[in-house]
Protein backbone atom coordinates (compact mmCIF):
# COMPACT_ATOMS: atom_id res chain seq x y z
CA LEU A 1 -3.55 -10.22 12.46
CA PRO A 2 -3.75 -9.44 16.26
CA PRO A 3 -6.72 -7.48 17.57
CA PRO A 4 -5.93 -3.72 18.16
CA PRO A 5 -6.01 -2.26 21.74
CA PRO A 6 -9.11 -0.54 22.87
CA LEU A 7 -9.99 2.76 21.09
CA ARG A 8 -11.01 6.11 22.18
CA GLN A 9 -12.37 8.86 19.82
CA GLN A 10 -9.60 10.54 17.84
CA LYS A 11 -9.49 13.74 15.84
CA HIS A 12 -6.65 13.75 13.24
CA PRO A 13 -4.90 16.98 12.83
CA ALA A 14 -3.69 18.34 9.46
CA SER A 15 -0.11 17.41 8.64
CA ARG A 16 2.31 20.13 9.46
CA LYS A 17 6.02 20.41 10.16
CA GLU A 18 7.36 21.39 13.63
CA GLY A 19 10.88 22.05 14.39
CA GLY A 20 11.95 21.04 10.83
CA GLY A 21 10.34 17.50 11.40
CA VAL A 22 7.76 15.83 9.19
CA ARG A 23 4.54 14.79 10.96
CA PRO A 24 2.30 11.96 9.56
CA ARG A 25 -0.88 12.94 8.24
CA PRO A 26 -3.30 10.18 9.44
CA THR A 27 -6.40 10.07 7.22
CA THR A 28 -7.85 6.72 8.64
CA GLN A 29 -11.44 7.31 9.85
CA ILE A 30 -12.13 5.79 13.14
CA ASP A 31 -15.71 5.41 14.25
CA THR A 32 -15.85 4.12 17.79
CA GLU A 33 -19.68 4.17 18.16
CA ARG A 34 -19.95 1.61 15.33
CA ASN A 35 -16.51 -0.05 15.96
CA LEU A 36 -15.50 0.79 12.27
CA LEU A 37 -12.22 1.82 10.74
CA ARG A 38 -11.89 2.99 7.19
CA ALA A 39 -8.58 3.13 5.39
CA ARG A 40 -6.85 3.33 2.00
CA ILE A 41 -3.81 1.41 1.00
CA VAL A 42 -2.10 2.31 -2.10
CA PHE A 43 -0.07 0.04 -4.19
CA TRP A 44 2.60 2.10 -5.97
CA GLY A 45 5.46 1.09 -8.41
CA PRO A 46 6.61 1.25 -11.92
CA SER A 47 4.56 0.39 -15.01
CA GLY A 48 4.28 -3.46 -15.52
CA ALA A 49 5.45 -4.31 -11.89
CA GLY A 50 2.26 -6.19 -11.29
CA LYS A 51 0.20 -3.98 -8.97
CA THR A 52 -3.07 -5.01 -10.37
CA ALA A 53 -2.03 -8.71 -10.44
CA MET A 54 -1.28 -8.36 -6.85
CA LEU A 55 -4.83 -7.05 -6.10
CA LEU A 56 -6.28 -9.88 -8.15
CA ALA A 57 -4.41 -12.35 -6.11
CA LEU A 58 -5.24 -10.73 -2.80
CA ARG A 59 -8.90 -10.75 -3.51
CA PRO A 60 -9.68 -14.50 -2.74
CA LEU A 61 -7.46 -14.30 0.26
CA LEU A 62 -9.46 -11.38 1.76
CA ASP A 63 -12.81 -12.68 0.51
CA PRO A 64 -12.95 -16.37 0.09
CA GLU A 65 -16.72 -16.32 -0.84
CA GLY A 66 -16.05 -14.04 -3.76
CA MET A 67 -18.36 -11.34 -2.73
CA THR A 68 -16.15 -8.41 -3.96
CA ARG A 69 -14.82 -7.53 -7.34
CA VAL A 70 -11.85 -5.72 -8.62
CA TYR A 71 -12.62 -2.44 -10.64
CA SER A 72 -9.88 -1.68 -13.06
CA VAL A 73 -9.30 0.91 -16.01
CA ALA A 74 -6.71 -0.57 -18.25
CA ASN A 75 -5.25 0.43 -21.49
CA GLY A 76 -4.81 -1.74 -24.61
CA GLY A 77 -1.56 -3.14 -23.38
CA GLY A 78 -3.08 -4.51 -20.05
CA THR A 79 -1.49 -2.08 -17.73
CA THR A 80 -3.54 0.22 -15.54
CA ALA A 81 -4.55 3.38 -17.26
CA ALA A 82 -6.23 5.23 -14.39
CA PHE A 83 -6.46 3.00 -11.34
CA CYS A 84 -7.34 -0.39 -9.99
CA LEU A 85 -9.52 -0.68 -7.05
CA LEU A 86 -10.23 -3.55 -4.44
CA PRO A 87 -12.91 -2.56 -2.02
CA VAL A 88 -12.89 -4.89 1.08
CA GLU A 89 -16.12 -4.35 3.05
CA ASP A 90 -16.42 -5.33 6.78
CA PHE A 91 -13.00 -7.16 7.05
CA LYS A 92 -13.16 -8.75 10.57
CA LEU A 93 -10.66 -7.37 13.15
CA GLU A 94 -12.51 -8.22 16.34
CA PRO A 95 -14.22 -6.48 17.84
CA TYR A 96 -13.81 -3.97 14.92
CA ARG A 97 -15.05 -3.86 11.31
CA VAL A 98 -12.60 -2.54 8.80
CA ARG A 99 -13.51 -1.19 5.33
CA LEU A 100 -10.56 -1.01 3.19
CA ARG A 101 -9.81 0.59 -0.23
CA LEU A 102 -6.86 -1.10 -1.94
CA LEU A 103 -5.94 1.01 -4.85
CA ALA A 104 -3.18 0.23 -7.57
CA VAL A 105 -1.98 3.43 -9.22
CA PRO A 106 -0.81 3.74 -12.88
CA GLY A 107 2.97 3.60 -13.23
CA ALA A 108 3.37 5.10 -16.67
CA THR A 109 5.04 8.40 -17.04
CA ALA A 110 1.99 9.88 -18.93
CA ARG A 111 -0.10 9.05 -15.77
CA THR A 112 1.83 11.11 -13.32
CA SER A 113 -0.90 13.55 -12.44
CA ALA A 114 -3.38 10.64 -11.89
CA ARG A 115 -0.88 8.70 -9.73
CA LEU A 116 0.00 11.74 -7.46
CA ALA A 117 -3.75 12.61 -7.08
CA LEU A 118 -4.51 9.04 -5.89
CA LEU A 119 -1.81 9.24 -3.36
CA LYS A 120 -3.32 12.11 -1.71
CA ASP A 121 -5.62 10.23 0.62
CA ALA A 122 -3.50 7.18 1.37
CA ASP A 123 -3.11 5.78 4.71
CA ALA A 124 -0.29 3.41 3.95
CA VAL A 125 1.77 2.33 0.73
CA VAL A 126 2.83 -1.07 -0.71
CA PHE A 127 5.65 -0.23 -3.07
CA VAL A 128 5.65 -2.97 -5.77
CA ALA A 129 9.20 -3.38 -7.38
CA ASP A 130 9.60 -5.49 -10.37
CA SER A 131 12.08 -8.37 -10.20
CA ALA A 132 12.89 -8.24 -13.93
CA PRO A 133 16.66 -7.09 -14.19
CA ALA A 134 15.60 -4.63 -16.97
CA ALA A 135 13.25 -2.93 -14.36
CA LEU A 136 15.71 -2.16 -11.74
CA ASP A 137 16.19 1.52 -12.96
CA ALA A 138 12.49 1.99 -13.14
CA ASN A 139 12.01 0.64 -9.65
CA LYS A 140 14.56 3.19 -8.35
CA ALA A 141 12.93 6.09 -10.11
CA SER A 142 9.37 5.17 -8.98
CA TRP A 143 10.65 4.80 -5.35
CA GLN A 144 12.44 8.27 -5.63
CA GLU A 145 9.21 9.75 -7.02
CA LEU A 146 7.08 8.34 -4.19
CA GLN A 147 9.60 9.64 -1.52
CA GLY A 148 9.95 13.02 -3.10
CA THR A 149 6.29 13.55 -3.32
CA LEU A 150 5.67 12.56 0.31
CA LYS A 151 8.38 14.78 1.35
CA SER A 152 7.16 17.64 -0.50
CA ARG A 153 3.78 17.40 1.03
CA GLY A 154 5.19 16.94 4.37
CA LEU A 155 3.80 13.52 4.91
CA SER A 156 5.18 10.22 6.35
CA LEU A 157 3.11 6.99 5.43
CA PRO A 158 3.61 3.46 6.69
CA THR A 159 5.26 1.76 3.78
CA VAL A 160 6.42 -1.86 2.81
CA VAL A 161 8.09 -3.11 -0.29
CA ALA A 162 6.90 -6.12 -2.32
CA ILE A 163 9.59 -7.35 -4.54
CA HIS A 164 7.32 -8.87 -7.19
CA LYS A 165 7.51 -11.38 -9.74
CA ARG A 166 9.88 -13.69 -7.85
CA ASP A 167 8.57 -16.41 -9.94
CA LEU A 168 10.53 -15.12 -13.11
CA PRO A 169 13.29 -17.48 -14.10
CA GLU A 170 15.57 -14.46 -14.55
CA ALA A 171 14.45 -12.73 -11.54
CA ALA A 172 17.20 -10.35 -10.24
CA PRO A 173 18.61 -11.15 -6.82
CA VAL A 174 16.62 -9.55 -3.87
CA ALA A 175 19.71 -7.58 -2.70
CA ASP A 176 19.89 -5.83 -6.16
CA VAL A 177 16.28 -5.05 -6.16
CA ARG A 178 16.15 -3.51 -2.74
CA ARG A 179 19.38 -1.71 -2.89
CA PHE A 180 17.63 1.69 -2.87
CA VAL A 181 15.33 0.77 -0.01
CA PRO A 182 16.24 1.83 3.47
CA ALA A 183 17.07 -1.03 5.91
CA ASP A 184 14.31 -0.31 8.18
CA VAL A 185 11.57 -0.73 5.46
CA PRO A 186 10.01 -4.19 5.59
CA VAL A 187 10.63 -6.13 2.33
CA PHE A 188 8.55 -9.11 1.08
CA GLY A 189 9.10 -11.34 -1.86
CA THR A 190 5.94 -11.89 -3.96
CA ALA A 191 4.55 -13.61 -6.88
CA ALA A 192 0.84 -13.32 -8.21
CA SER A 193 1.25 -16.65 -10.00
CA ASP A 194 1.27 -18.76 -6.95
CA GLY A 195 0.13 -16.20 -4.34
CA ARG A 196 3.53 -16.15 -2.41
CA GLY A 197 4.01 -13.23 -0.08
CA ILE A 198 0.84 -11.57 -1.37
CA PHE A 199 -1.01 -11.55 1.95
CA ASP A 200 2.27 -11.03 3.97
CA ALA A 201 2.95 -7.79 2.05
CA PHE A 202 -0.64 -6.52 2.53
CA ALA A 203 -0.68 -7.53 6.17
CA GLY A 204 2.72 -5.84 6.81
CA ALA A 205 1.26 -2.66 5.55
CA PHE A 206 -1.77 -2.95 7.58
CA ARG A 207 -0.06 -3.66 10.64
CA LEU A 208 2.04 -0.55 10.26
CA LEU A 209 -1.06 1.47 9.77
CA LEU A 210 -2.75 0.10 12.81
CA ARG A 211 0.46 0.72 14.75
CA ARG A 212 0.41 4.25 13.82
CA GLU A 213 -3.21 4.67 14.48
CA PHE A 214 -3.71 2.69 17.73
CA PHE A 215 -0.66 2.75 19.60
CA PRO A 216 -0.61 6.54 20.29
CA LEU A 217 -4.11 6.05 21.71
CA ARG A 218 -2.98 3.44 23.97
CA ALA A 219 -0.31 5.50 25.40
CA ALA A 220 -2.52 8.62 25.72
């Protein structure tokens, strides 16, 4: 990741609509005195898409020394019941330190309230789509729920799509999986089994987050 431009102190306004348009609601915390940035990236998608598996695969890429751990509340079937959290402390982005909270939300219908609550303080979203042909309708429904929730709250968040489980022998064509995704949304093919695309999807969301936070300051 390239270093961000120099920062000045910024106060984020609450989200609001002006002239019918939707304004982003930045929640990223920027501490220029300590050169520290705090942010939350939410991994969203249907149940069983592999959101937690992506966090587990991402951990050694962000923390080769194994100093962090993944905190997960799972049900008996192995899917996320409440949330899965990967805290990344003091991620280096010279001259800044970045503290990230990477959060996988539950995809089950019964966990809708928990899922929506966890989206509240998100700064960016990685939408995790399942490559299994049987999951195409669930992918679309989850995407529509995400977009509908953001719209109802007057929010616009940096978003990328990870088309996950590309290692499946019967994986659906990428064109079929991404059919509901707007053309301007970055898409990455990923697989937790061999790590392909995992860091790229994370970095894509993080770059969009940095672009939203830093470039307005640069032009001010």
